[in-house]
Amino acid sequence: MKILIPSSAAGAIIGKGGETIAQLQKDTGARIKMSKANDFYPGTAERICLVTGNTESIMKVLKFIMEKIRDRPEPYERSSAEDIQEFSL
């Protein structure tokens, strides 16, 4: 399965020296390949992640990735509370 990863979350998924992604592969049995740092999907600032394995292992990896993406929103995204505060000035 190929998925697009925001560049802001890629480091958290890979980990220092690749430790996090290596441990994730070990824990899930899935194989995970991430595109290089400057190798983005055309027209985006997102990296390509290829996850292979059985359905259960892929689902575990996707859950982990979604948590990392949720923890690291894109720098240009703002919460609705920030938008409301800006417009109420």
Foldseek 3Di string as FASTA:
>chain_A
DKDWAQLQLVCVCQDDVSVNVVVLCVVLVKDKDWDDSCDHDPPDNTIMIDIDDDPRSVVSSVVVRVVSCVVGDDPPDDDVVVVVVVVVD
